């Protein structure tokens, strides 16, 4: 199943300018609907028209922090953003989502970092894990600044 990661328009500038840093607290949420709004600069704007999963079955809204975040400059124009795999243990029912949103919970207005589209609904049934695993070879997000 293909997965598409879309950066918000302001993300490359924030990473390259050092505004998004590894020591910030990044949260990831799951959604059944998350409209694409690349110009959003706040979590509220990114979630306009979205449907976040309800707190249930092992998922709790707005609480899953990314761990071991690494933001690295590879060359003058290239950076990566990666983190450890993220899991939710489905308990008492299924966790089903079609999208995820990563945002910086440290900054004012929680600026969004990336929108993840799972290309359909992914379901973890009771007793299994809903898991998002970054690509180990190149970072979850690799940014090339052409300017």
N, C-alpha and C. Protein backbone atom coordinates (compact mmCIF):
# COMPACT_ATOMS: atom_id res chain seq x y z
N UNK A 1 0.84 -1.17 0.00
CA UNK A 1 0.00 0.00 0.00
C UNK A 1 0.89 1.24 0.00
N UNK A 2 0.75 2.11 -1.00
CA UNK A 2 1.55 3.33 -1.03
C UNK A 2 1.12 4.31 0.06
N UNK A 3 2.08 5.00 0.60
CA UNK A 3 1.83 6.03 1.59
C UNK A 3 2.41 7.33 1.04
N UNK A 4 1.65 8.41 1.13
CA UNK A 4 2.12 9.70 0.64
C UNK A 4 2.30 10.65 1.82
N UNK A 5 3.49 11.21 1.94
CA UNK A 5 3.76 12.21 2.97
C UNK A 5 3.85 13.55 2.26
N UNK A 6 3.01 14.49 2.72
CA UNK A 6 2.98 15.83 2.14
C UNK A 6 3.38 16.83 3.20
N UNK A 7 4.38 17.62 2.89
CA UNK A 7 4.79 18.67 3.82
C UNK A 7 3.86 19.86 3.67
N UNK A 8 3.64 20.55 4.76
CA UNK A 8 2.95 21.83 4.68
C UNK A 8 3.92 22.84 4.08
N UNK A 9 3.41 23.83 3.37
CA UNK A 9 4.27 24.76 2.62
C UNK A 9 5.37 25.39 3.45
N UNK A 10 5.11 25.64 4.72
CA UNK A 10 6.07 26.33 5.58
C UNK A 10 7.11 25.38 6.20
N UNK A 11 6.92 24.08 6.09
CA UNK A 11 7.79 23.11 6.76
C UNK A 11 9.26 23.19 6.31
N UNK A 12 9.56 23.18 5.02
CA UNK A 12 10.98 23.23 4.63
C UNK A 12 11.69 24.47 5.18
N UNK A 13 11.03 25.62 5.10
CA UNK A 13 11.64 26.85 5.61
C UNK A 13 11.89 26.74 7.11
N UNK A 14 10.90 26.21 7.85
CA UNK A 14 11.04 26.09 9.31
C UNK A 14 12.19 25.13 9.68
N UNK A 15 12.33 24.05 8.95
CA UNK A 15 13.41 23.11 9.26
C UNK A 15 14.76 23.73 8.92
N UNK A 16 14.88 24.30 7.75
CA UNK A 16 16.17 24.85 7.34
C UNK A 16 16.55 26.09 8.15
N UNK A 17 15.56 26.82 8.66
CA UNK A 17 15.84 28.01 9.46
C UNK A 17 16.11 27.66 10.93
N UNK A 18 15.92 26.39 11.28
CA UNK A 18 16.15 25.97 12.66
C UNK A 18 14.97 26.26 13.58
N UNK A 19 13.79 26.55 13.02
CA UNK A 19 12.60 26.80 13.82
C UNK A 19 12.02 25.49 14.35
N UNK A 20 12.00 24.44 13.53
CA UNK A 20 11.65 23.10 14.00
C UNK A 20 12.96 22.45 14.45
N UNK A 21 13.05 22.12 15.73
CA UNK A 21 14.27 21.51 16.27
C UNK A 21 13.92 20.19 16.94
N UNK A 22 14.90 19.31 17.03
CA UNK A 22 14.67 17.96 17.56
C UNK A 22 14.16 17.96 19.00
N UNK A 23 14.50 18.97 19.77
CA UNK A 23 14.09 19.00 21.17
C UNK A 23 12.64 19.45 21.36
N UNK A 24 11.98 19.92 20.30
CA UNK A 24 10.56 20.27 20.40
C UNK A 24 9.72 19.01 20.59
N UNK A 25 8.51 19.18 21.06
CA UNK A 25 7.57 18.07 21.22
C UNK A 25 6.68 17.98 19.99
N UNK A 26 6.79 16.87 19.26
CA UNK A 26 5.99 16.65 18.05
C UNK A 26 4.93 15.60 18.36
N UNK A 27 3.69 15.89 17.99
CA UNK A 27 2.56 15.00 18.23
C UNK A 27 2.07 14.47 16.90
N UNK A 28 1.61 13.22 16.89
CA UNK A 28 1.01 12.63 15.70
C UNK A 28 -0.40 12.16 16.05
N UNK A 29 -1.36 12.52 15.21
CA UNK A 29 -2.75 12.14 15.39
C UNK A 29 -3.22 11.32 14.19
N UNK A 30 -4.26 10.53 14.40
CA UNK A 30 -4.86 9.72 13.35
C UNK A 30 -6.24 10.25 12.99
N UNK A 31 -6.61 10.12 11.71
CA UNK A 31 -7.85 10.68 11.18
C UNK A 31 -8.53 9.71 10.22
N UNK A 32 -9.86 9.84 10.15
CA UNK A 32 -10.60 9.14 9.09
C UNK A 32 -10.79 10.06 7.90
N UNK A 33 -10.61 11.36 8.11
CA UNK A 33 -10.64 12.35 7.04
C UNK A 33 -9.71 13.49 7.43
N UNK A 34 -8.85 13.89 6.50
CA UNK A 34 -7.94 15.02 6.74
C UNK A 34 -7.70 15.71 5.40
N UNK A 35 -8.53 16.72 5.11
CA UNK A 35 -8.38 17.42 3.83
C UNK A 35 -6.97 17.99 3.66
N UNK A 36 -6.52 17.99 2.42
CA UNK A 36 -5.21 18.57 2.12
C UNK A 36 -5.32 20.08 2.15
N UNK A 37 -4.53 20.71 2.99
CA UNK A 37 -4.50 22.16 3.09
C UNK A 37 -3.04 22.56 3.27
N UNK A 38 -2.29 22.53 2.19
CA UNK A 38 -0.84 22.74 2.25
C UNK A 38 -0.45 24.11 2.78
N UNK A 39 -1.36 25.07 2.73
CA UNK A 39 -1.02 26.41 3.19
C UNK A 39 -1.27 26.61 4.68
N UNK A 40 -1.80 25.60 5.36
CA UNK A 40 -2.09 25.72 6.79
C UNK A 40 -0.80 26.00 7.57
N UNK A 41 -0.88 26.95 8.50
CA UNK A 41 0.27 27.27 9.35
C UNK A 41 -0.02 26.98 10.82
N UNK A 42 -1.24 26.49 11.11
CA UNK A 42 -1.62 26.12 12.47
C UNK A 42 -2.31 24.75 12.43
N UNK A 43 -2.28 24.06 13.56
CA UNK A 43 -2.98 22.77 13.65
C UNK A 43 -4.47 22.98 13.38
N UNK A 44 -5.04 24.04 13.92
CA UNK A 44 -6.46 24.31 13.72
C UNK A 44 -6.79 24.43 12.24
N UNK A 45 -5.98 25.15 11.49
CA UNK A 45 -6.22 25.29 10.05
C UNK A 45 -6.01 23.96 9.32
N UNK A 46 -5.00 23.20 9.72
CA UNK A 46 -4.74 21.90 9.08
C UNK A 46 -5.89 20.93 9.32
N UNK A 47 -6.55 21.07 10.47
CA UNK A 47 -7.65 20.16 10.81
C UNK A 47 -9.02 20.66 10.34
N UNK A 48 -9.07 21.76 9.64
CA UNK A 48 -10.35 22.26 9.15
C UNK A 48 -11.00 21.22 8.24
N UNK A 49 -12.17 20.76 8.61
CA UNK A 49 -12.87 19.73 7.84
C UNK A 49 -12.41 18.31 8.13
N UNK A 50 -11.52 18.15 9.10
CA UNK A 50 -10.96 16.83 9.42
C UNK A 50 -11.82 16.10 10.45
N UNK A 51 -11.63 14.79 10.50
CA UNK A 51 -12.28 13.96 11.52
C UNK A 51 -11.20 13.12 12.19
N UNK A 52 -10.79 13.56 13.38
CA UNK A 52 -9.80 12.80 14.15
C UNK A 52 -10.51 11.61 14.81
N UNK A 53 -9.79 10.50 14.95
CA UNK A 53 -10.36 9.36 15.66
C UNK A 53 -10.76 9.78 17.06
N UNK A 54 -11.82 9.19 17.57
CA UNK A 54 -12.24 9.42 18.95
C UNK A 54 -11.28 8.69 19.88
N UNK A 55 -11.19 9.19 21.09
CA UNK A 55 -10.40 8.50 22.10
C UNK A 55 -11.12 7.20 22.45
N UNK A 56 -10.53 6.08 22.03
CA UNK A 56 -11.13 4.76 22.28
C UNK A 56 -10.21 3.68 21.72
N UNK A 57 -10.34 2.48 22.23
CA UNK A 57 -9.70 1.28 21.67
C UNK A 57 -8.17 1.38 21.59
N UNK A 58 -7.55 2.12 22.51
CA UNK A 58 -6.10 2.24 22.52
C UNK A 58 -5.57 3.50 21.87
N UNK A 59 -6.46 4.32 21.33
CA UNK A 59 -6.07 5.60 20.73
C UNK A 59 -6.57 6.72 21.63
N UNK A 60 -5.70 7.70 21.92
CA UNK A 60 -6.08 8.87 22.69
C UNK A 60 -5.72 10.11 21.89
N UNK A 61 -6.67 10.98 21.68
CA UNK A 61 -6.45 12.18 20.88
C UNK A 61 -5.35 13.07 21.46
N UNK A 62 -4.52 13.61 20.56
CA UNK A 62 -3.54 14.67 20.86
C UNK A 62 -2.52 14.32 21.94
N UNK A 63 -2.13 13.04 22.04
CA UNK A 63 -1.19 12.66 23.10
C UNK A 63 0.02 11.86 22.63
N UNK A 64 0.03 11.36 21.40
CA UNK A 64 1.12 10.47 20.97
C UNK A 64 2.31 11.31 20.50
N UNK A 65 3.32 11.39 21.35
CA UNK A 65 4.52 12.17 21.04
C UNK A 65 5.49 11.32 20.23
N UNK A 66 6.13 11.94 19.25
CA UNK A 66 7.20 11.27 18.51
C UNK A 66 8.40 11.18 19.44
N UNK A 67 9.13 10.08 19.34
CA UNK A 67 10.32 9.90 20.17
C UNK A 67 11.57 9.85 19.30
N UNK A 68 12.68 10.23 19.91
CA UNK A 68 13.98 10.26 19.23
C UNK A 68 13.93 10.99 17.90
N UNK A 69 13.32 12.17 17.93
CA UNK A 69 13.27 13.00 16.73
C UNK A 69 14.68 13.44 16.39
N UNK A 70 14.99 13.36 15.12
CA UNK A 70 16.28 13.81 14.62
C UNK A 70 16.05 14.71 13.42
N UNK A 71 16.59 15.89 13.48
CA UNK A 71 16.56 16.81 12.35
C UNK A 71 18.01 17.09 12.00
N UNK A 72 18.39 16.66 10.81
CA UNK A 72 19.80 16.76 10.45
C UNK A 72 19.98 17.46 9.12
N UNK A 73 21.04 18.24 9.02
CA UNK A 73 21.43 18.85 7.76
C UNK A 73 22.44 17.91 7.12
N UNK A 74 22.14 17.50 5.90
CA UNK A 74 23.02 16.58 5.18
C UNK A 74 24.00 17.36 4.31
N UNK A 75 23.48 18.34 3.60
CA UNK A 75 24.30 19.27 2.81
C UNK A 75 23.70 20.65 3.04
N UNK A 76 24.25 21.65 2.41
CA UNK A 76 23.73 23.01 2.57
C UNK A 76 22.24 23.09 2.25
N UNK A 77 21.79 22.31 1.28
CA UNK A 77 20.39 22.39 0.83
C UNK A 77 19.55 21.18 1.20
N UNK A 78 20.08 20.21 1.91
CA UNK A 78 19.33 18.99 2.21
C UNK A 78 19.24 18.76 3.71
N UNK A 79 18.04 18.40 4.17
CA UNK A 79 17.81 18.10 5.58
C UNK A 79 16.91 16.88 5.69
N UNK A 80 16.95 16.21 6.85
CA UNK A 80 16.04 15.10 7.11
C UNK A 80 15.34 15.31 8.45
N UNK A 81 14.17 14.71 8.58
CA UNK A 81 13.37 14.72 9.81
C UNK A 81 12.93 13.29 10.02
N UNK A 82 13.37 12.67 11.10
CA UNK A 82 12.98 11.29 11.33
C UNK A 82 12.71 11.08 12.82
N UNK A 83 12.16 9.92 13.14
CA UNK A 83 11.76 9.60 14.51
C UNK A 83 11.60 8.08 14.62
N UNK A 84 11.47 7.59 15.84
CA UNK A 84 11.26 6.15 16.05
C UNK A 84 9.87 5.75 15.57
N UNK A 85 9.68 4.46 15.25
CA UNK A 85 8.34 3.99 14.88
C UNK A 85 7.31 4.38 15.95
N UNK A 86 6.09 4.63 15.50
CA UNK A 86 4.99 5.03 16.37
C UNK A 86 3.97 3.90 16.36
N UNK A 87 3.50 3.52 17.55
CA UNK A 87 2.51 2.44 17.62
C UNK A 87 1.37 2.79 18.58
N UNK A 88 0.21 2.28 18.25
CA UNK A 88 -0.94 2.30 19.14
C UNK A 88 -1.40 0.85 19.25
N UNK A 89 -1.62 0.36 20.45
CA UNK A 89 -2.08 -1.01 20.67
C UNK A 89 -3.60 -1.02 20.69
N UNK A 90 -4.20 -1.65 19.69
CA UNK A 90 -5.66 -1.73 19.63
C UNK A 90 -6.15 -2.64 20.76
N UNK A 91 -7.04 -2.10 21.57
CA UNK A 91 -7.54 -2.84 22.73
C UNK A 91 -9.02 -2.52 22.93
N UNK A 92 -9.85 -3.54 22.96
CA UNK A 92 -11.28 -3.34 23.14
C UNK A 92 -12.01 -3.03 21.85
N UNK A 93 -11.30 -3.08 20.75
CA UNK A 93 -11.87 -2.80 19.43
C UNK A 93 -10.76 -2.43 18.47
N UNK A 94 -11.13 -2.04 17.28
CA UNK A 94 -10.17 -1.72 16.23
C UNK A 94 -9.79 -0.24 16.22
N UNK A 95 -8.61 0.03 15.67
CA UNK A 95 -8.18 1.39 15.34
C UNK A 95 -8.10 1.44 13.82
N UNK A 96 -8.86 2.33 13.21
CA UNK A 96 -8.89 2.42 11.75
C UNK A 96 -8.71 3.88 11.35
N UNK A 97 -7.73 4.15 10.49
CA UNK A 97 -7.44 5.52 10.06
C UNK A 97 -6.98 5.53 8.62
N UNK A 98 -7.20 6.66 7.96
CA UNK A 98 -6.74 6.83 6.58
C UNK A 98 -5.67 7.91 6.46
N UNK A 99 -5.48 8.70 7.53
CA UNK A 99 -4.52 9.80 7.50
C UNK A 99 -3.89 10.00 8.87
N UNK A 100 -2.78 10.72 8.87
CA UNK A 100 -2.14 11.15 10.12
C UNK A 100 -1.63 12.57 9.92
N UNK A 101 -1.49 13.27 11.02
CA UNK A 101 -0.97 14.64 11.02
C UNK A 101 0.11 14.73 12.09
N UNK A 102 1.27 15.27 11.69
CA UNK A 102 2.34 15.56 12.64
C UNK A 102 2.38 17.07 12.83
N UNK A 103 2.42 17.50 14.09
CA UNK A 103 2.52 18.93 14.36
C UNK A 103 3.48 19.19 15.51
N UNK A 104 3.99 20.42 15.58
CA UNK A 104 4.94 20.82 16.61
C UNK A 104 4.15 21.41 17.78
N UNK A 105 4.04 20.65 18.86
CA UNK A 105 3.25 21.03 20.01
C UNK A 105 3.96 22.07 20.89
N UNK A 106 5.23 22.34 20.62
CA UNK A 106 6.00 23.30 21.42
C UNK A 106 5.74 24.73 20.98
N UNK A 107 5.55 24.92 19.70
CA UNK A 107 5.39 26.26 19.13
C UNK A 107 3.96 26.77 19.32
N UNK A 108 3.81 28.09 19.36
CA UNK A 108 2.51 28.73 19.42
C UNK A 108 1.67 28.30 18.22
N UNK A 109 0.43 27.98 18.45
CA UNK A 109 -0.54 27.56 17.43
C UNK A 109 -0.24 26.20 16.80
N UNK A 110 0.71 25.44 17.36
CA UNK A 110 0.98 24.07 16.90
C UNK A 110 1.12 23.95 15.38
N UNK A 111 2.17 24.53 14.80
CA UNK A 111 2.31 24.46 13.34
C UNK A 111 2.41 23.02 12.84
N UNK A 112 1.70 22.71 11.75
CA UNK A 112 1.77 21.36 11.19
C UNK A 112 3.09 21.13 10.47
N UNK A 113 3.56 19.90 10.52
CA UNK A 113 4.80 19.51 9.84
C UNK A 113 4.48 18.74 8.57
N UNK A 114 3.66 17.68 8.71
CA UNK A 114 3.38 16.82 7.57
C UNK A 114 2.01 16.16 7.70
N UNK A 115 1.43 15.88 6.55
CA UNK A 115 0.18 15.13 6.42
C UNK A 115 0.53 13.80 5.78
N UNK A 116 0.06 12.72 6.37
CA UNK A 116 0.33 11.38 5.85
C UNK A 116 -0.98 10.79 5.34
N UNK A 117 -0.96 10.33 4.10
CA UNK A 117 -2.12 9.70 3.47
C UNK A 117 -1.79 8.22 3.29
N UNK A 118 -2.56 7.34 3.95
CA UNK A 118 -2.31 5.91 3.88
C UNK A 118 -2.89 5.26 2.62
N UNK A 119 -3.45 6.05 1.71
CA UNK A 119 -4.04 5.55 0.47
C UNK A 119 -5.16 4.57 0.74
N UNK A 120 -6.00 4.91 1.69
CA UNK A 120 -7.11 4.05 2.09
C UNK A 120 -7.07 3.84 3.59
N UNK A 121 -8.08 3.18 4.08
CA UNK A 121 -8.16 2.94 5.52
C UNK A 121 -7.27 1.77 5.93
N UNK A 122 -6.48 2.01 6.96
CA UNK A 122 -5.64 0.97 7.56
C UNK A 122 -6.27 0.64 8.91
N UNK A 123 -6.40 -0.66 9.18
CA UNK A 123 -7.07 -1.08 10.41
C UNK A 123 -6.19 -2.01 11.22
N UNK A 124 -6.08 -1.71 12.51
CA UNK A 124 -5.46 -2.63 13.46
C UNK A 124 -6.60 -3.20 14.29
N UNK A 125 -6.80 -4.50 14.20
CA UNK A 125 -7.89 -5.13 14.95
C UNK A 125 -7.46 -5.33 16.40
N UNK A 126 -8.43 -5.56 17.25
CA UNK A 126 -8.20 -5.77 18.67
C UNK A 126 -7.02 -6.74 18.89
N UNK A 127 -6.07 -6.32 19.72
CA UNK A 127 -4.92 -7.16 20.03
C UNK A 127 -3.73 -6.99 19.10
N UNK A 128 -3.84 -6.10 18.10
CA UNK A 128 -2.71 -5.84 17.19
C UNK A 128 -2.30 -4.37 17.30
N UNK A 129 -1.26 -4.00 16.57
CA UNK A 129 -0.76 -2.63 16.62
C UNK A 129 -1.05 -1.88 15.34
N UNK A 130 -1.40 -0.62 15.49
CA UNK A 130 -1.41 0.33 14.38
C UNK A 130 -0.03 0.95 14.43
N UNK A 131 0.72 0.84 13.34
CA UNK A 131 2.14 1.21 13.37
C UNK A 131 2.51 2.10 12.19
N UNK A 132 3.28 3.14 12.48
CA UNK A 132 3.86 4.00 11.45
C UNK A 132 5.37 3.92 11.63
N UNK A 133 6.05 3.44 10.59
CA UNK A 133 7.49 3.23 10.65
C UNK A 133 8.20 4.10 9.62
N UNK A 134 9.04 5.02 10.07
CA UNK A 134 9.81 5.84 9.12
C UNK A 134 10.78 4.99 8.30
N UNK A 135 11.10 5.47 7.13
CA UNK A 135 12.10 4.84 6.27
C UNK A 135 13.47 4.98 6.92
N UNK A 136 14.11 3.88 7.23
CA UNK A 136 15.39 3.89 7.94
C UNK A 136 16.53 4.45 7.10
N UNK A 137 16.41 4.42 5.79
CA UNK A 137 17.56 4.80 4.96
C UNK A 137 17.67 6.30 4.69
N UNK A 138 16.56 7.03 4.66
CA UNK A 138 16.69 8.42 4.25
C UNK A 138 15.94 9.41 5.11
N UNK A 139 15.51 8.99 6.27
CA UNK A 139 14.72 9.89 7.09
C UNK A 139 13.27 9.83 6.66
N UNK A 140 12.40 10.14 7.57
CA UNK A 140 10.97 10.13 7.26
C UNK A 140 10.66 11.20 6.24
N UNK A 141 11.26 12.36 6.42
CA UNK A 141 11.10 13.46 5.49
C UNK A 141 12.49 13.89 5.06
N UNK A 142 12.72 13.97 3.77
CA UNK A 142 13.97 14.50 3.25
C UNK A 142 13.64 15.74 2.46
N UNK A 143 14.27 16.84 2.79
CA UNK A 143 13.98 18.12 2.20
C UNK A 143 15.17 18.58 1.37
N UNK A 144 14.91 18.94 0.14
CA UNK A 144 15.93 19.54 -0.71
C UNK A 144 15.46 20.94 -1.05
N UNK A 145 16.26 21.91 -0.68
CA UNK A 145 15.94 23.30 -0.93
C UNK A 145 16.63 23.70 -2.22
N UNK A 146 15.83 23.97 -3.25
CA UNK A 146 16.39 24.31 -4.57
C UNK A 146 16.85 25.76 -4.64
N UNK A 147 16.49 26.55 -3.68
CA UNK A 147 16.85 27.98 -3.74
C UNK A 147 18.31 28.21 -3.45
